[in-house]
Amino acid sequence: MNWIILNILLISFLFFFGNLVIKILHKIRLIKFKTNSFEKIILGIFGLGFINLLFNFFYKLNSIYYFILITFFFIIIIRYLNKKDLKKCFFLIIFSIFFTFLSNQMIPGYDAGLYHIPYQKIIREEKIIFGLSNLHDRYGLTTINSYVAAILWVNKKFNLVAFFQTIYYQIFFFFFFYFFN
């Protein structure tokens, strides 16, 4: 039951964070079109990963300063909530409960121990190390997902990282749902 709640919190946070990113982009007039729920989740992932990347230039991601930064964004997100977004998020929550069971069955991939987990550990415990890919070329081809997944470790367990990976399946099915409606 705890994992269902954590999955719901993760999908809700990414949705509302993406909603905040959309409102900021509308305010500075970078976009002028309406977005769907799955697009808000994608922008939430991108925005959170970008903030983690910028923050990692100065501090490690498991520091108290990062916790303060995320708390600040959480307060901003709560300030801009409205009923329409809560209704959309309720549908996402119901939909994501089905994927919780899929993520409980997922194990880290065969290459997770080779470069995903060690690189996420470096992100969590050190600020950006320039030239790291010169020492180990496997660290040179990382994605923004590593910066988001690095903050989802709970007591060195990767269940929340598995939830994060199933979010892409959820986005895929959200897309088909909106496409056919």
Protein backbone atom coordinates (compact mmCIF):
# COMPACT_ATOMS: atom_id res chain seq x y z
CA MET A 1 0.00 0.00 0.00
CA ASN A 2 2.86 2.37 0.75
CA TRP A 3 4.20 1.95 -2.79
CA ILE A 4 0.84 2.91 -4.28
CA ILE A 5 0.86 6.11 -2.25
CA LEU A 6 4.44 6.90 -3.29
CA ASN A 7 3.59 6.30 -6.94
CA ILE A 8 0.57 8.59 -6.64
CA LEU A 9 2.71 11.29 -5.02
CA LEU A 10 5.35 10.99 -7.73
CA ILE A 11 2.92 11.21 -10.66
CA SER A 12 1.02 14.05 -8.96
CA PHE A 13 4.20 16.01 -8.25
CA LEU A 14 5.42 15.64 -11.84
CA PHE A 15 2.00 16.66 -13.19
CA PHE A 16 1.73 19.73 -10.99
CA PHE A 17 5.38 20.66 -11.54
CA GLY A 18 4.79 20.41 -15.30
CA ASN A 19 1.70 22.57 -14.84
CA LEU A 20 3.88 25.16 -13.08
CA VAL A 21 6.40 25.01 -15.95
CA ILE A 22 3.56 25.55 -18.46
CA LYS A 23 2.28 28.57 -16.52
CA ILE A 24 5.76 30.08 -16.43
CA LEU A 25 6.22 29.48 -20.16
CA HIS A 26 2.82 31.07 -20.86
CA LYS A 27 3.68 34.05 -18.68
CA ILE A 28 6.93 34.77 -20.53
CA ARG A 29 5.13 34.03 -23.82
CA LEU A 30 7.29 31.15 -25.01
CA ILE A 31 4.26 28.97 -25.74
CA LYS A 32 0.72 29.94 -26.66
CA PHE A 33 -1.06 26.60 -27.04
CA LYS A 34 -2.98 24.40 -24.62
CA THR A 35 -1.31 21.28 -23.31
CA ASN A 36 -2.60 17.86 -22.35
CA SER A 37 -1.93 16.00 -19.13
CA PHE A 38 0.74 13.77 -20.62
CA GLU A 39 2.55 16.82 -21.99
CA LYS A 40 2.50 18.37 -18.51
CA ILE A 41 4.08 15.24 -17.07
CA ILE A 42 6.81 15.29 -19.75
CA LEU A 43 7.51 18.95 -19.02
CA GLY A 44 7.50 18.16 -15.31
CA ILE A 45 10.18 15.50 -15.85
CA PHE A 46 12.21 17.84 -18.04
CA GLY A 47 11.84 20.79 -15.65
CA LEU A 48 12.76 18.76 -12.57
CA GLY A 49 15.74 17.21 -14.36
CA PHE A 50 16.92 20.63 -15.53
CA ILE A 51 16.66 22.06 -12.00
CA ASN A 52 18.58 19.06 -10.67
CA LEU A 53 21.27 19.56 -13.31
CA LEU A 54 21.65 23.25 -12.47
CA PHE A 55 21.64 22.56 -8.74
CA ASN A 56 24.24 19.83 -9.18
CA PHE A 57 26.71 22.39 -10.51
CA PHE A 58 27.01 23.80 -7.00
CA TYR A 59 25.89 21.13 -4.51
CA LYS A 60 25.24 17.42 -4.28
CA LEU A 61 21.64 16.31 -4.67
CA ASN A 62 21.29 14.71 -1.26
CA SER A 63 22.05 17.92 0.61
CA ILE A 64 19.72 19.91 2.84
CA TYR A 65 19.81 22.78 0.33
CA TYR A 66 18.18 20.60 -2.30
CA PHE A 67 15.45 19.63 0.16
CA ILE A 68 14.82 23.34 0.81
CA LEU A 69 14.66 24.03 -2.94
CA ILE A 70 12.14 21.24 -3.57
CA THR A 71 10.07 22.41 -0.59
CA PHE A 72 10.04 25.91 -2.11
CA PHE A 73 8.76 24.53 -5.43
CA PHE A 74 6.18 22.44 -3.60
CA ILE A 75 4.83 25.57 -1.88
CA ILE A 76 4.64 27.38 -5.23
CA ILE A 77 2.81 24.41 -6.76
CA ILE A 78 0.25 24.40 -3.94
CA ARG A 79 -0.28 28.13 -4.40
CA TYR A 80 -1.25 27.70 -8.08
CA LEU A 81 -3.61 24.71 -7.72
CA ASN A 82 -7.08 24.95 -9.15
CA LYS A 83 -10.05 22.57 -9.34
CA LYS A 84 -9.65 21.83 -13.04
CA ASP A 85 -6.09 20.59 -12.52
CA LEU A 86 -7.16 18.56 -9.50
CA LYS A 87 -9.79 16.77 -11.61
CA LYS A 88 -7.22 15.95 -14.28
CA CYS A 89 -4.80 14.75 -11.64
CA PHE A 90 -7.47 12.53 -10.11
CA PHE A 91 -7.81 10.70 -13.43
CA LEU A 92 -4.03 10.34 -13.63
CA ILE A 93 -3.95 8.93 -10.10
CA ILE A 94 -6.60 6.31 -10.88
CA PHE A 95 -4.74 5.39 -14.05
CA SER A 96 -1.36 5.21 -12.29
CA ILE A 97 -2.61 2.77 -9.63
CA PHE A 98 -2.73 0.06 -12.29
CA PHE A 99 0.90 0.71 -13.20
CA THR A 100 2.06 0.43 -9.60
CA PHE A 101 1.75 -3.32 -9.84
CA LEU A 102 3.84 -3.33 -13.01
CA SER A 103 6.59 -1.33 -11.35
CA ASN A 104 6.69 -3.69 -8.35
CA GLN A 105 7.62 -6.48 -10.76
CA MET A 106 10.37 -4.49 -12.48
CA ILE A 107 13.98 -5.16 -11.59
CA PRO A 108 16.89 -2.92 -12.48
CA GLY A 109 18.04 -3.54 -16.03
CA TYR A 110 21.09 -5.59 -16.91
CA ASP A 111 23.17 -2.47 -17.39
CA ALA A 112 21.96 -0.68 -14.25
CA GLY A 113 24.95 -1.80 -12.21
CA LEU A 114 27.33 -0.90 -15.02
CA TYR A 115 26.59 2.81 -15.32
CA HIS A 116 23.09 3.90 -14.25
CA ILE A 117 23.39 3.24 -10.52
CA PRO A 118 27.06 4.30 -10.17
CA TYR A 119 26.41 7.53 -12.07
CA GLN A 120 23.33 8.32 -10.01
CA LYS A 121 25.36 7.70 -6.88
CA ILE A 122 27.96 10.20 -8.11
CA ILE A 123 25.20 12.74 -8.83
CA ARG A 124 23.75 12.27 -5.35
CA GLU A 125 27.04 12.49 -3.45
CA GLU A 126 29.14 14.95 -5.47
CA LYS A 127 28.61 18.11 -7.41
CA ILE A 128 29.33 17.92 -11.14
CA ILE A 129 32.75 16.45 -11.85
CA PHE A 130 34.11 17.85 -15.09
CA GLY A 131 36.04 15.26 -17.09
CA LEU A 132 34.36 12.28 -15.47
CA SER A 133 33.63 10.80 -18.89
CA ASN A 134 37.36 10.90 -19.63
CA LEU A 135 37.95 8.52 -16.72
CA HIS A 136 35.01 6.23 -17.52
CA ASP A 137 33.44 6.68 -20.94
CA ARG A 138 30.26 4.95 -19.74
CA TYR A 139 29.39 8.12 -17.80
CA GLY A 140 29.57 10.34 -20.88
CA LEU A 141 26.25 9.25 -22.38
CA THR A 142 23.84 10.00 -19.57
CA THR A 143 20.40 11.54 -19.90
CA ILE A 144 18.21 13.88 -17.91
CA ASN A 145 16.54 10.76 -16.47
CA SER A 146 19.62 10.11 -14.35
CA TYR A 147 19.21 13.47 -12.66
CA VAL A 148 15.56 12.78 -11.85
CA ALA A 149 16.13 9.16 -10.82
CA ALA A 150 19.02 10.12 -8.54
CA ILE A 151 16.66 11.88 -6.14
CA LEU A 152 14.26 8.90 -6.00
CA TRP A 153 16.47 6.56 -4.00
CA VAL A 154 14.92 5.67 -0.65
CA ASN A 155 17.40 4.05 1.73
CA LYS A 156 19.40 2.71 -1.23
CA LYS A 157 16.31 1.01 -2.67
CA PHE A 158 15.24 1.64 -6.24
CA ASN A 159 11.47 1.08 -6.12
CA LEU A 160 10.72 4.76 -6.75
CA VAL A 161 13.12 4.65 -9.69
CA ALA A 162 11.03 1.78 -11.07
CA PHE A 163 7.92 3.95 -10.61
CA PHE A 164 9.67 6.69 -12.51
CA GLN A 165 10.41 4.29 -15.37
CA THR A 166 6.77 3.20 -15.55
CA ILE A 167 5.74 6.83 -15.94
CA TYR A 168 6.86 6.57 -19.55
CA TYR A 169 4.42 3.69 -20.06
CA GLN A 170 1.73 5.79 -18.43
CA ILE A 171 2.49 8.72 -20.74
CA PHE A 172 2.27 6.38 -23.72
CA PHE A 173 -1.20 5.19 -22.68
CA PHE A 174 -2.30 8.74 -21.74
CA PHE A 175 -1.39 9.77 -25.26
CA PHE A 176 -3.61 7.06 -26.76
CA PHE A 177 -6.42 7.93 -24.40
CA TYR A 178 -6.35 11.59 -25.45
CA PHE A 179 -5.83 10.69 -29.09
CA PHE A 180 -8.95 8.52 -29.20
CA ASN A 181 -11.04 10.98 -27.18
